Amino acid sequence: AGQPWRRCYGDNITYTDWQRDNFWRAVREVTGEGAVIG
């Protein structure tokens, strides 16, 4: 829920369990596609 946002510096995005790999969809929201990724 909201605990990670309350305990972090910067922004926070929460991903849901309704669909497998929503974690990576949330990551993509920040990085976009086609970038050089570290």
Full PDB file with SEQRES, HELIX, SHEET, SSBOND, CRYST1, ORIGX, SCALE, CONECT and MASTER records, all heavy atoms in Angstrom:
SEQRES   1 A   38  ALA GLY GLN PRO TRP ARG ARG CYS TYR GLY ASP ASN ILE          
SEQRES   2 A   38  THR TYR THR ASP TRP GLN ARG ASP ASN PHE TRP ARG ALA          
SEQRES   3 A   38  VAL ARG GLU VAL THR GLY GLU GLY ALA VAL ILE GLY              
HELIX    1 AA1 GLN A    3  ARG A    6  1                                   4    
HELIX    2 AA2 ASN A   22  THR A   31  1                                  10    
CRYST1    1.000    1.000    1.000  90.00  90.00  90.00 P 1           1          
ORIGX1      1.000000  0.000000  0.000000        0.00000                         
ORIGX2      0.000000  1.000000  0.000000        0.00000                         
ORIGX3      0.000000  0.000000  1.000000        0.00000                         
SCALE1      1.000000  0.000000  0.000000        0.00000                         
SCALE2      0.000000  1.000000  0.000000        0.00000                         
SCALE3      0.000000  0.000000  1.000000        0.00000                         
ATOM      1  N   ALA A   1       0.834  -1.211   0.000  1.00  0.00           N  
ATOM      2  CA  ALA A   1       0.000   0.000   0.000  1.00  0.00           C  
ATOM      3  C   ALA A   1       0.868   1.259   0.000  1.00  0.00           C  
ATOM      4  O   ALA A   1       1.772   1.383  -0.820  1.00  0.00           O  
ATOM      5  CB  ALA A   1      -0.982  -0.032   1.173  1.00  0.00           C  
ATOM      6  N   GLY A   2       0.625   2.195   0.916  1.00  0.00           N  
ATOM      7  CA  GLY A   2       1.305   3.485   0.867  1.00  0.00           C  
ATOM      8  C   GLY A   2       2.617   3.554   1.610  1.00  0.00           C  
ATOM      9  O   GLY A   2       3.302   4.586   1.561  1.00  0.00           O  
ATOM     10  N   GLN A   3       2.998   2.475   2.309  1.00  0.00           N  
ATOM     11  CA  GLN A   3       4.214   2.526   3.123  1.00  0.00           C  
ATOM     12  C   GLN A   3       5.476   2.832   2.320  1.00  0.00           C  
ATOM     13  O   GLN A   3       6.307   3.642   2.762  1.00  0.00           O  
ATOM     14  CB  GLN A   3       4.360   1.219   3.916  1.00  0.00           C  
ATOM     15  CG  GLN A   3       5.566   1.175   4.854  1.00  0.00           C  
ATOM     16  CD  GLN A   3       6.772   0.479   4.230  1.00  0.00           C  
ATOM     17  OE1 GLN A   3       6.688  -0.038   3.104  1.00  0.00           O  
ATOM     18  NE2 GLN A   3       7.889   0.466   4.934  1.00  0.00           N  
ATOM     19  N   PRO A   4       5.689   2.239   1.135  1.00  0.00           N  
ATOM     20  CA  PRO A   4       6.913   2.568   0.392  1.00  0.00           C  
ATOM     21  C   PRO A   4       7.022   4.053   0.047  1.00  0.00           C  
ATOM     22  O   PRO A   4       8.128   4.620   0.105  1.00  0.00           O  
ATOM     23  CB  PRO A   4       6.798   1.698  -0.867  1.00  0.00           C  
ATOM     24  CG  PRO A   4       5.958   0.545  -0.439  1.00  0.00           C  
ATOM     25  CD  PRO A   4       4.941   1.142   0.489  1.00  0.00           C  
ATOM     26  N   TRP A   5       5.902   4.678  -0.320  1.00  0.00           N  
ATOM     27  CA  TRP A   5       5.964   6.114  -0.621  1.00  0.00           C  
ATOM     28  C   TRP A   5       6.277   6.914   0.635  1.00  0.00           C  
ATOM     29  O   TRP A   5       7.066   7.861   0.602  1.00  0.00           O  
ATOM     30  CB  TRP A   5       4.646   6.596  -1.221  1.00  0.00           C  
ATOM     31  CG  TRP A   5       4.659   8.082  -1.437  1.00  0.00           C  
ATOM     32  CD1 TRP A   5       5.299   8.774  -2.429  1.00  0.00           C  
ATOM     33  CD2 TRP A   5       4.036   9.074  -0.608  1.00  0.00           C  
ATOM     34  NE1 TRP A   5       5.111  10.134  -2.275  1.00  0.00           N  
ATOM     35  CE2 TRP A   5       4.340  10.338  -1.170  1.00  0.00           C  
ATOM     36  CE3 TRP A   5       3.246   9.020   0.542  1.00  0.00           C  
ATOM     37  CZ2 TRP A   5       3.881  11.531  -0.606  1.00  0.00           C  
ATOM     38  CZ3 TRP A   5       2.790  10.202   1.101  1.00  0.00           C  
ATOM     39  CH2 TRP A   5       3.113  11.438   0.531  1.00  0.00           C  
ATOM     40  N   ARG A   6       5.681   6.531   1.765  1.00  0.00           N  
ATOM     41  CA  ARG A   6       5.934   7.271   2.999  1.00  0.00           C  
ATOM     42  C   ARG A   6       7.386   7.157   3.430  1.00  0.00           C  
ATOM     43  O   ARG A   6       7.894   8.024   4.143  1.00  0.00           O  
ATOM     44  CB  ARG A   6       5.017   6.762   4.124  1.00  0.00           C  
ATOM     45  CG  ARG A   6       3.549   7.085   3.914  1.00  0.00           C  
ATOM     46  CD  ARG A   6       2.722   6.857   5.170  1.00  0.00           C  
ATOM     47  NE  ARG A   6       2.715   5.465   5.620  1.00  0.00           N  
ATOM     48  CZ  ARG A   6       1.853   4.551   5.213  1.00  0.00           C  
ATOM     49  NH1 ARG A   6       0.916   4.866   4.320  1.00  0.00           N  
ATOM     50  NH2 ARG A   6       1.904   3.321   5.685  1.00  0.00           N  
ATOM     51  N   ARG A   7       8.062   6.090   3.005  1.00  0.00           N  
ATOM     52  CA  ARG A   7       9.415   5.817   3.478  1.00  0.00           C  
ATOM     53  C   ARG A   7      10.466   5.959   2.384  1.00  0.00           C  
ATOM     54  O   ARG A   7      11.537   5.342   2.476  1.00  0.00           O  
ATOM     55  CB  ARG A   7       9.468   4.396   4.055  1.00  0.00           C  
ATOM     56  CG  ARG A   7       8.703   4.238   5.364  1.00  0.00           C  
ATOM     57  CD  ARG A   7       9.462   4.806   6.532  1.00  0.00           C  
ATOM     58  NE  ARG A   7       8.703   4.741   7.786  1.00  0.00           N  
ATOM     59  CZ  ARG A   7       9.175   5.140   8.948  1.00  0.00           C  
ATOM     60  NH1 ARG A   7      10.405   5.620   9.036  1.00  0.00           N  
ATOM     61  NH2 ARG A   7       8.432   5.075  10.043  1.00  0.00           N  
ATOM     62  N   CYS A   8      10.198   6.755   1.351  1.00  0.00           N  
ATOM     63  CA  CYS A   8      11.208   6.900   0.296  1.00  0.00           C  
ATOM     64  C   CYS A   8      11.427   8.354  -0.053  1.00  0.00           C  
ATOM     65  O   CYS A   8      10.557   9.206   0.134  1.00  0.00           O  
ATOM     66  CB  CYS A   8      10.818   6.107  -0.955  1.00  0.00           C  
ATOM     67  SG  CYS A   8       9.602   6.898  -2.026  1.00  0.00           S  
ATOM     68  N   TYR A   9      12.603   8.613  -0.587  1.00  0.00           N  
ATOM     69  CA  TYR A   9      12.902   9.904  -1.189  1.00  0.00           C  
ATOM     70  C   TYR A   9      12.528   9.818  -2.664  1.00  0.00           C  
ATOM     71  O   TYR A   9      12.925   8.879  -3.352  1.00  0.00           O  
ATOM     72  CB  TYR A   9      14.389  10.245  -1.049  1.00  0.00           C  
ATOM     73  CG  TYR A   9      14.766  11.516  -1.774  1.00  0.00           C  
ATOM     74  CD1 TYR A   9      14.538  12.753  -1.194  1.00  0.00           C  
ATOM     75  CD2 TYR A   9      15.300  11.480  -3.061  1.00  0.00           C  
ATOM     76  CE1 TYR A   9      14.846  13.924  -1.866  1.00  0.00           C  
ATOM     77  CE2 TYR A   9      15.618  12.634  -3.733  1.00  0.00           C  
ATOM     78  CZ  TYR A   9      15.381  13.858  -3.133  1.00  0.00           C  
ATOM     79  OH  TYR A   9      15.681  15.018  -3.809  1.00  0.00           O  
ATOM     80  N   GLY A  10      11.777  10.776  -3.158  1.00  0.00           N  
ATOM     81  CA  GLY A  10      11.376  10.764  -4.555  1.00  0.00           C  
ATOM     82  C   GLY A  10       9.964  10.235  -4.722  1.00  0.00           C  
ATOM     83  O   GLY A  10       9.146  10.257  -3.797  1.00  0.00           O  
ATOM     84  N   ASP A  11       9.657   9.743  -5.907  1.00  0.00           N  
ATOM     85  CA  ASP A  11       8.320   9.283  -6.253  1.00  0.00           C  
ATOM     86  C   ASP A  11       8.202   7.772  -6.008  1.00  0.00           C  
ATOM     87  O   ASP A  11       9.210   7.085  -5.808  1.00  0.00           O  
ATOM     88  CB  ASP A  11       8.040   9.606  -7.722  1.00  0.00           C  
ATOM     89  CG  ASP A  11       6.555   9.562  -8.062  1.00  0.00           C  
ATOM     90  OD1 ASP A  11       5.728   9.337  -7.144  1.00  0.00           O  
ATOM     91  OD2 ASP A  11       6.226   9.735  -9.248  1.00  0.00           O  
ATOM     92  N   ASN A  12       6.986   7.290  -6.042  1.00  0.00           N  
ATOM     93  CA  ASN A  12       6.729   5.862  -5.896  1.00  0.00           C  
ATOM     94  C   ASN A  12       5.578   5.453  -6.795  1.00  0.00           C  
ATOM     95  O   ASN A  12       4.578   6.175  -6.910  1.00  0.00           O  
ATOM     96  CB  ASN A  12       6.383   5.520  -4.444  1.00  0.00           C  
ATOM     97  CG  ASN A  12       5.892   4.097  -4.284  1.00  0.00           C  
ATOM     98  OD1 ASN A  12       4.690   3.852  -4.209  1.00  0.00           O  
ATOM     99  ND2 ASN A  12       6.816   3.150  -4.262  1.00  0.00           N  
ATOM    100  N   ILE A  13       5.737   4.300  -7.444  1.00  0.00           N  
ATOM    101  CA  ILE A  13       4.663   3.690  -8.229  1.00  0.00           C  
ATOM    102  C   ILE A  13       4.373   2.313  -7.640  1.00  0.00           C  
ATOM    103  O   ILE A  13       5.294   1.532  -7.370  1.00  0.00           O  
ATOM    104  CB  ILE A  13       5.044   3.556  -9.718  1.00  0.00           C  
ATOM    105  CG1 ILE A  13       5.212   4.947 -10.353  1.00  0.00           C  
ATOM    106  CG2 ILE A  13       3.993   2.762 -10.475  1.00  0.00           C  
ATOM    107  CD1 ILE A  13       5.666   4.904 -11.795  1.00  0.00           C  
ATOM    108  N   THR A  14       3.087   2.034  -7.438  1.00  0.00           N  
ATOM    109  CA  THR A  14       2.634   0.742  -6.922  1.00  0.00           C  
ATOM    110  C   THR A  14       2.137  -0.110  -8.082  1.00  0.00           C  
ATOM    111  O   THR A  14       1.302   0.347  -8.873  1.00  0.00           O  
ATOM    112  CB  THR A  14       1.498   0.946  -5.911  1.00  0.00           C  
ATOM    113  OG1 THR A  14       1.975   1.724  -4.808  1.00  0.00           O  
ATOM    114  CG2 THR A  14       0.967  -0.392  -5.404  1.00  0.00           C  
ATOM    115  N   TYR A  15       2.636  -1.336  -8.186  1.00  0.00           N  
ATOM    116  CA  TYR A  15       2.121  -2.227  -9.233  1.00  0.00           C  
ATOM    117  C   TYR A  15       1.156  -3.239  -8.618  1.00  0.00           C  
ATOM    118  O   TYR A  15       1.246  -3.574  -7.430  1.00  0.00           O  
ATOM    119  CB  TYR A  15       3.253  -2.922  -9.993  1.00  0.00           C  
ATOM    120  CG  TYR A  15       4.021  -3.978  -9.245  1.00  0.00           C  
ATOM    121  CD1 TYR A  15       3.628  -5.321  -9.280  1.00  0.00           C  
ATOM    122  CD2 TYR A  15       5.170  -3.662  -8.530  1.00  0.00           C  
ATOM    123  CE1 TYR A  15       4.338  -6.299  -8.610  1.00  0.00           C  
ATOM    124  CE2 TYR A  15       5.889  -4.636  -7.850  1.00  0.00           C  
ATOM    125  CZ  TYR A  15       5.477  -5.951  -7.892  1.00  0.00           C  
ATOM    126  OH  TYR A  15       6.181  -6.913  -7.230  1.00  0.00           O  
ATOM    127  N   THR A  16       0.230  -3.713  -9.427  1.00  0.00           N  
ATOM    128  CA  THR A  16      -0.807  -4.616  -8.952  1.00  0.00           C  
ATOM    129  C   THR A  16      -0.510  -6.063  -9.328  1.00  0.00           C  
ATOM    130  O   THR A  16       0.330  -6.342 -10.187  1.00  0.00           O  
ATOM    131  CB  THR A  16      -2.173  -4.226  -9.550  1.00  0.00           C  
ATOM    132  OG1 THR A  16      -2.121  -4.430 -10.971  1.00  0.00           O  
ATOM    133  CG2 THR A  16      -2.507  -2.765  -9.272  1.00  0.00           C  
ATOM    134  N   ASP A  17      -1.237  -6.967  -8.702  1.00  0.00           N  
ATOM    135  CA  ASP A  17      -1.073  -8.397  -8.952  1.00  0.00           C  
ATOM    136  C   ASP A  17      -2.095  -8.952  -9.941  1.00  0.00           C  
ATOM    137  O   ASP A  17      -2.163 -10.163 -10.134  1.00  0.00           O  
ATOM    138  CB  ASP A  17      -1.212  -9.179  -7.640  1.00  0.00           C  
ATOM    139  CG  ASP A  17       0.021  -9.080  -6.754  1.00  0.00           C  
ATOM    140  OD1 ASP A  17       1.055  -8.619  -7.244  1.00  0.00           O  
ATOM    141  OD2 ASP A  17      -0.066  -9.453  -5.575  1.00  0.00           O  
ATOM    142  N   TRP A  18      -2.902  -8.083 -10.547  1.00  0.00           N  
ATOM    143  CA  TRP A  18      -3.979  -8.586 -11.409  1.00  0.00           C  
ATOM    144  C   TRP A  18      -3.441  -9.301 -12.640  1.00  0.00           C  
ATOM    145  O   TRP A  18      -4.095 -10.151 -13.213  1.00  0.00           O  
ATOM    146  CB  TRP A  18      -4.894  -7.448 -11.870  1.00  0.00           C  
ATOM    147  CG  TRP A  18      -5.282  -6.449 -10.831  1.00  0.00           C  
ATOM    148  CD1 TRP A  18      -5.281  -5.088 -10.971  1.00  0.00           C  
ATOM    149  CD2 TRP A  18      -5.760  -6.690  -9.506  1.00  0.00           C  
ATOM    150  NE1 TRP A  18      -5.705  -4.472  -9.834  1.00  0.00           N  
ATOM    151  CE2 TRP A  18      -6.008  -5.441  -8.901  1.00  0.00           C  
ATOM    152  CE3 TRP A  18      -5.978  -7.843  -8.749  1.00  0.00           C  
ATOM    153  CZ2 TRP A  18      -6.482  -5.302  -7.610  1.00  0.00           C  
ATOM    154  CZ3 TRP A  18      -6.448  -7.707  -7.448  1.00  0.00           C  
ATOM    155  CH2 TRP A  18      -6.695  -6.464  -6.902  1.00  0.00           C  
ATOM    156  N   GLN A  19      -2.232  -8.935 -13.028  1.00  0.00           N  
ATOM    157  CA  GLN A  19      -1.653  -9.467 -14.258  1.00  0.00           C  
ATOM    158  C   GLN A  19      -0.162  -9.681 -14.027  1.00  0.00           C  
ATOM    159  O   GLN A  19       0.518  -8.812 -13.472  1.00  0.00           O  
ATOM    160  CB  GLN A  19      -1.887  -8.471 -15.406  1.00  0.00           C  
ATOM    161  CG  GLN A  19      -1.361  -8.914 -16.743  1.00  0.00           C  
ATOM    162  CD  GLN A  19      -1.632  -7.888 -17.848  1.00  0.00           C  
ATOM    163  OE1 GLN A  19      -1.627  -8.219 -19.012  1.00  0.00           O  
ATOM    164  NE2 GLN A  19      -1.861  -6.643 -17.474  1.00  0.00           N  
ATOM    165  N   ARG A  20       0.333 -10.815 -14.460  1.00  0.00           N  
ATOM    166  CA  ARG A  20       1.748 -11.107 -14.288  1.00  0.00           C  
ATOM    167  C   ARG A  20       2.602 -10.055 -15.003  1.00  0.00           C  
ATOM    168  O   ARG A  20       2.245  -9.563 -16.068  1.00  0.00           O  
ATOM    169  CB  ARG A  20       2.056 -12.502 -14.833  1.00  0.00           C  
ATOM    170  CG  ARG A  20       3.452 -13.017 -14.485  1.00  0.00           C  
ATOM    171  CD  ARG A  20       3.647 -14.432 -14.989  1.00  0.00           C  
ATOM    172  NE  ARG A  20       2.692 -15.359 -14.402  1.00  0.00           N  
ATOM    173  CZ  ARG A  20       2.848 -15.935 -13.206  1.00  0.00           C  
ATOM    174  NH1 ARG A  20       3.904 -15.646 -12.472  1.00  0.00           N  
ATOM    175  NH2 ARG A  20       1.941 -16.780 -12.754  1.00  0.00           N  
ATOM    176  N   ASP A  21       3.723  -9.700 -14.383  1.00  0.00           N  
ATOM    177  CA  ASP A  21       4.713  -8.765 -14.943  1.00  0.00           C  
ATOM    178  C   ASP A  21       4.262  -7.315 -14.935  1.00  0.00           C  
ATOM    179  O   ASP A  21       4.826  -6.476 -15.643  1.00  0.00           O  
ATOM    180  CB  ASP A  21       5.132  -9.173 -16.356  1.00  0.00           C  
ATOM    181  CG  ASP A  21       5.870 -10.493 -16.371  1.00  0.00           C  
ATOM    182  OD1 ASP A  21       6.611 -10.772 -15.400  1.00  0.00           O  
ATOM    183  OD2 ASP A  21       5.703 -11.260 -17.342  1.00  0.00           O  
ATOM    184  N   ASN A  22       3.265  -6.978 -14.113  1.00  0.00           N  
ATOM    185  CA  ASN A  22       2.934  -5.563 -13.955  1.00  0.00           C  
ATOM    186  C   ASN A  22       4.099  -4.780 -13.360  1.00  0.00           C  
ATOM    187  O   ASN A  22       4.204  -3.564 -13.555  1.00  0.00           O  
ATOM    188  CB  ASN A  22       1.685  -5.395 -13.094  1.00  0.00           C  
ATOM    189  CG  ASN A  22       0.413  -5.604 -13.883  1.00  0.00           C  
ATOM    190  OD1 ASN A  22       0.424  -5.618 -15.113  1.00  0.00           O  
ATOM    191  ND2 ASN A  22      -0.701  -5.780 -13.173  1.00  0.00           N  
ATOM    192  N   PHE A  23       4.976  -5.468 -12.631  1.00  0.00           N  
ATOM    193  CA  PHE A  23       6.198  -4.811 -12.147  1.00  0.00           C  
ATOM    194  C   PHE A  23       6.957  -4.179 -13.303  1.00  0.00           C  
ATOM    195  O   PHE A  23       7.350  -3.001 -13.252  1.00  0.00           O  
ATOM    196  CB  PHE A  23       7.076  -5.833 -11.418  1.00  0.00           C  
ATOM    197  CG  PHE A  23       8.487  -5.358 -11.153  1.00  0.00           C  
ATOM    198  CD1 PHE A  23       8.760  -4.480 -10.124  1.00  0.00           C  
ATOM    199  CD2 PHE A  23       9.547  -5.792 -11.954  1.00  0.00           C  
ATOM    200  CE1 PHE A  23      10.059  -4.050  -9.877  1.00  0.00           C  
ATOM    201  CE2 PHE A  23      10.844  -5.374 -11.709  1.00  0.00           C  
ATOM    202  CZ  PHE A  23      11.102  -4.493 -10.677  1.00  0.00           C  
ATOM    203  N   TRP A  24       7.168  -4.941 -14.379  1.00  0.00           N  
ATOM    204  CA  TRP A  24       7.949  -4.425 -15.499  1.00  0.00           C  
ATOM    205  C   TRP A  24       7.177  -3.361 -16.284  1.00  0.00           C  
ATOM    206  O   TRP A  24       7.788  -2.447 -16.847  1.00  0.00           O  
ATOM    207  CB  TRP A  24       8.400  -5.559 -16.411  1.00  0.00           C  
ATOM    208  CG  TRP A  24       9.527  -6.323 -15.774  1.00  0.00           C  
ATOM    209  CD1 TRP A  24       9.490  -7.558 -15.221  1.00  0.00           C  
ATOM    210  CD2 TRP A  24      10.862  -5.827 -15.561  1.00  0.00           C  
ATOM    211  NE1 TRP A  24      10.717  -7.892 -14.691  1.00  0.00           N  
ATOM    212  CE2 TRP A  24      11.578  -6.853 -14.885  1.00  0.00           C  
ATOM    213  CE3 TRP A  24      11.520  -4.642 -15.879  1.00  0.00           C  
ATOM    214  CZ2 TRP A  24      12.920  -6.712 -14.530  1.00  0.00           C  
ATOM    215  CZ3 TRP A  24      12.857  -4.501 -15.531  1.00  0.00           C  
ATOM    216  CH2 TRP A  24      13.549  -5.517 -14.870  1.00  0.00           C  
ATOM    217  N   ARG A  25       5.866  -3.424 -16.263  1.00  0.00           N  
ATOM    218  CA  ARG A  25       5.080  -2.364 -16.900  1.00  0.00           C  
ATOM    219  C   ARG A  25       5.245  -1.045 -16.126  1.00  0.00           C  
ATOM    220  O   ARG A  25       5.323   0.025 -16.723  1.00  0.00           O  
ATOM    221  CB  ARG A  25       3.617  -2.782 -16.983  1.00  0.00           C  
ATOM    222  CG  ARG A  25       3.384  -3.968 -17.922  1.00  0.00           C  
ATOM    223  CD  ARG A  25       1.919  -4.377 -18.009  1.00  0.00           C  
ATOM    224  NE  ARG A  25       1.776  -5.478 -18.963  1.00  0.00           N  
ATOM    225  CZ  ARG A  25       1.833  -6.766 -18.637  1.00  0.00           C  
ATOM    226  NH1 ARG A  25       2.021  -7.125 -17.362  1.00  0.00           N  
ATOM    227  NH2 ARG A  25       1.729  -7.700 -19.565  1.00  0.00           N  
ATOM    228  N   ALA A  26       5.326  -1.162 -14.797  1.00  0.00           N  
ATOM    229  CA  ALA A  26       5.543   0.038 -13.990  1.00  0.00           C  
ATOM    230  C   ALA A  26       6.944   0.603 -14.210  1.00  0.00           C  
ATOM    231  O   ALA A  26       7.129   1.823 -14.316  1.00  0.00           O  
ATOM    232  CB  ALA A  26       5.324  -0.290 -12.519  1.00  0.00           C  
ATOM    233  N   VAL A  27       7.953  -0.275 -14.292  1.00  0.00           N  
ATOM    234  CA  VAL A  27       9.315   0.189 -14.578  1.00  0.00           C  
ATOM    235  C   VAL A  27       9.355   0.909 -15.924  1.00  0.00           C  
ATOM    236  O   VAL A  27       9.963   1.986 -16.072  1.00  0.00           O  
ATOM    237  CB  VAL A  27      10.300  -1.002 -14.551  1.00  0.00           C  
ATOM    238  CG1 VAL A  27      11.679  -0.567 -15.066  1.00  0.00           C  
ATOM    239  CG2 VAL A  27      10.412  -1.583 -13.146  1.00  0.00           C  
ATOM    240  N   ARG A  28       8.697   0.333 -16.911  1.00  0.00           N  
ATOM    241  CA  ARG A  28       8.687   0.927 -18.259  1.00  0.00           C  
ATOM    242  C   ARG A  28       8.046   2.308 -18.262  1.00  0.00           C  
ATOM    243  O   ARG A  28       8.408   3.178 -19.072  1.00  0.00           O  
ATOM    244  CB  ARG A  28       7.946  -0.006 -19.217  1.00  0.00           C  
ATOM    245  CG  ARG A  28       7.955   0.452 -20.673  1.00  0.00           C  
ATOM    246  CD  ARG A  28       7.300  -0.599 -21.553  1.00  0.00           C  
ATOM    247  NE  ARG A  28       5.914  -0.833 -21.162  1.00  0.00           N  
ATOM    248  CZ  ARG A  28       5.203  -1.887 -21.553  1.00  0.00           C  
ATOM    249  NH1 ARG A  28       5.741  -2.824 -22.326  1.00  0.00           N  
ATOM    250  NH2 ARG A  28       3.951  -2.032 -21.153  1.00  0.00           N  
ATOM    251  N   GLU A  29       7.108   2.552 -17.361  1.00  0.00           N  
ATOM    252  CA  GLU A  29       6.480   3.865 -17.251  1.00  0.00           C  
ATOM    253  C   GLU A  29       7.512   4.951 -16.978  1.00  0.00           C  
ATOM    254  O   GLU A  29       7.361   6.097 -17.387  1.00  0.00           O  
ATOM    255  CB  GLU A  29       5.433   3.840 -16.125  1.00  0.00           C  
ATOM    256  CG  GLU A  29       4.751   5.165 -15.840  1.00  0.00           C  
ATOM    257  CD  GLU A  29       3.731   5.548 -16.901  1.00  0.00           C  
ATOM    258  OE1 GLU A  29       3.510   4.761 -17.851  1.00  0.00           O  
ATOM    259  OE2 GLU A  29       3.156   6.651 -16.778  1.00  0.00           O  
ATOM    260  N   VAL A  30       8.597   4.577 -16.293  1.00  0.00           N  
ATOM    261  CA  VAL A  30       9.647   5.548 -15.951  1.00  0.00           C  
ATOM    262  C   VAL A  30      10.748   5.569 -17.004  1.00  0.00           C  
ATOM    263  O   VAL A  30      11.211   6.638 -17.418  1.00  0.00           O  
ATOM    264  CB  VAL A  30      10.251   5.221 -14.571  1.00  0.00           C  
ATOM    265  CG1 VAL A  30      11.271   6.295 -14.167  1.00  0.00           C  
ATOM    266  CG2 VAL A  30       9.161   5.099 -13.517  1.00  0.00           C  
ATOM    267  N   THR A  31      11.184   4.406 -17.462  1.00  0.00           N  
ATOM    268  CA  THR A  31      12.336   4.354 -18.368  1.00  0.00           C  
ATOM    269  C   THR A  31      11.957   4.577 -19.828  1.00  0.00           C  
ATOM    270  O   THR A  31      12.797   5.028 -20.622  1.00  0.00           O  
ATOM    271  CB  THR A  31      13.036   2.986 -18.281  1.00  0.00           C  
ATOM    272  OG1 THR A  31      12.149   1.969 -18.770  1.00  0.00           O  
ATOM    273  CG2 THR A  31      13.443   2.669 -16.856  1.00  0.00           C  
ATOM    274  N   GLY A  32      10.711   4.237 -20.206  1.00  0.00           N  
ATOM    275  CA  GLY A  32      10.365   4.166 -21.614  1.00  0.00           C  
ATOM    276  C   GLY A  32      11.048   2.980 -22.271  1.00  0.00           C  
ATOM    277  O   GLY A  32      11.671   2.139 -21.598  1.00  0.00           O  
ATOM    278  N   GLU A  33      10.945   2.900 -23.584  1.00  0.00           N  
ATOM    279  CA  GLU A  33      11.583   1.822 -24.338  1.00  0.00           C  
ATOM    280  C   GLU A  33      12.762   2.363 -25.140  1.00  0.00           C  
ATOM    281  O   GLU A  33      12.793   3.536 -25.515  1.00  0.00           O  
ATOM    282  CB  GLU A  33      10.581   1.170 -25.294  1.00  0.00           C  
ATOM    283  CG  GLU A  33       9.450   0.437 -24.605  1.00  0.00           C  
ATOM    284  CD  GLU A  33       8.520  -0.240 -25.606  1.00  0.00           C  
ATOM    285  OE1 GLU A  33       8.775  -0.162 -26.828  1.00  0.00           O  
ATOM    286  OE2 GLU A  33       7.525  -0.864 -25.165  1.00  0.00           O  
ATOM    287  N   GLY A  34      13.721   1.495 -25.393  1.00  0.00           N  
ATOM    288  CA  GLY A  34      14.819   1.825 -26.288  1.00  0.00           C  
ATOM    289  C   GLY A  34      15.971   2.588 -25.675  1.00  0.00           C  
ATOM    290  O   GLY A  34      16.885   3.006 -26.392  1.00  0.00           O  
ATOM    291  N   ALA A  35      15.985   2.758 -24.351  1.00  0.00           N  
ATOM    292  CA  ALA A  35      17.070   3.492 -23.699  1.00  0.00           C  
ATOM    293  C   ALA A  35      18.220   2.546 -23.348  1.00  0.00           C  
ATOM    294  O   ALA A  35      18.073   1.320 -23.355  1.00  0.00           O  
ATOM    295  CB  ALA A  35      16.556   4.172 -22.437  1.00  0.00           C  
ATOM    296  N   VAL A  36      19.370   3.122 -23.030  1.00  0.00           N  
ATOM    297  CA  VAL A  36      20.469   2.350 -22.461  1.00  0.00           C  
ATOM    298  C   VAL A  36      20.194   2.218 -20.967  1.00  0.00           C  
ATOM    299  O   VAL A  36      20.073   3.216 -20.249  1.00  0.00           O  
ATOM    300  CB  VAL A  36      21.827   3.024 -22.708  1.00  0.00           C  
ATOM    301  CG1 VAL A  36      22.950   2.236 -22.024  1.00  0.00           C  
ATOM    302  CG2 VAL A  36      22.100   3.147 -24.200  1.00  0.00           C  
ATOM    303  N   ILE A  37      20.080   0.991 -20.496  1.00  0.00           N  
ATOM    304  CA  ILE A  37      19.643   0.728 -19.128  1.00  0.00           C  
ATOM    305  C   ILE A  37      20.807   0.192 -18.299  1.00  0.00           C  
ATOM    306  O   ILE A  37      21.489  -0.765 -18.699  1.00  0.00           O  
ATOM    307  CB  ILE A  37      18.492  -0.302 -19.104  1.00  0.00           C  
ATOM    308  CG1 ILE A  37      17.309   0.190 -19.941  1.00  0.00           C  
ATOM    309  CG2 ILE A  37      18.061  -0.597 -17.665  1.00  0.00           C  
ATOM    310  CD1 ILE A  37      16.629   1.425 -19.411  1.00  0.00           C  
ATOM    311  N   GLY A  38      21.016   0.781 -17.147  1.00  0.00           N  
ATOM    312  CA  GLY A  38      21.997   0.278 -16.195  1.00  0.00           C  
ATOM    313  C   GLY A  38      21.361  -0.707 -15.243  1.00  0.00           C  
ATOM    314  O   GLY A  38      20.241  -0.484 -14.763  1.00  0.00           O  
TER     315      GLY A  38                                                      
MASTER        0    0    0    2    0    0    0    6  314    1    0    3          
END                                                                             
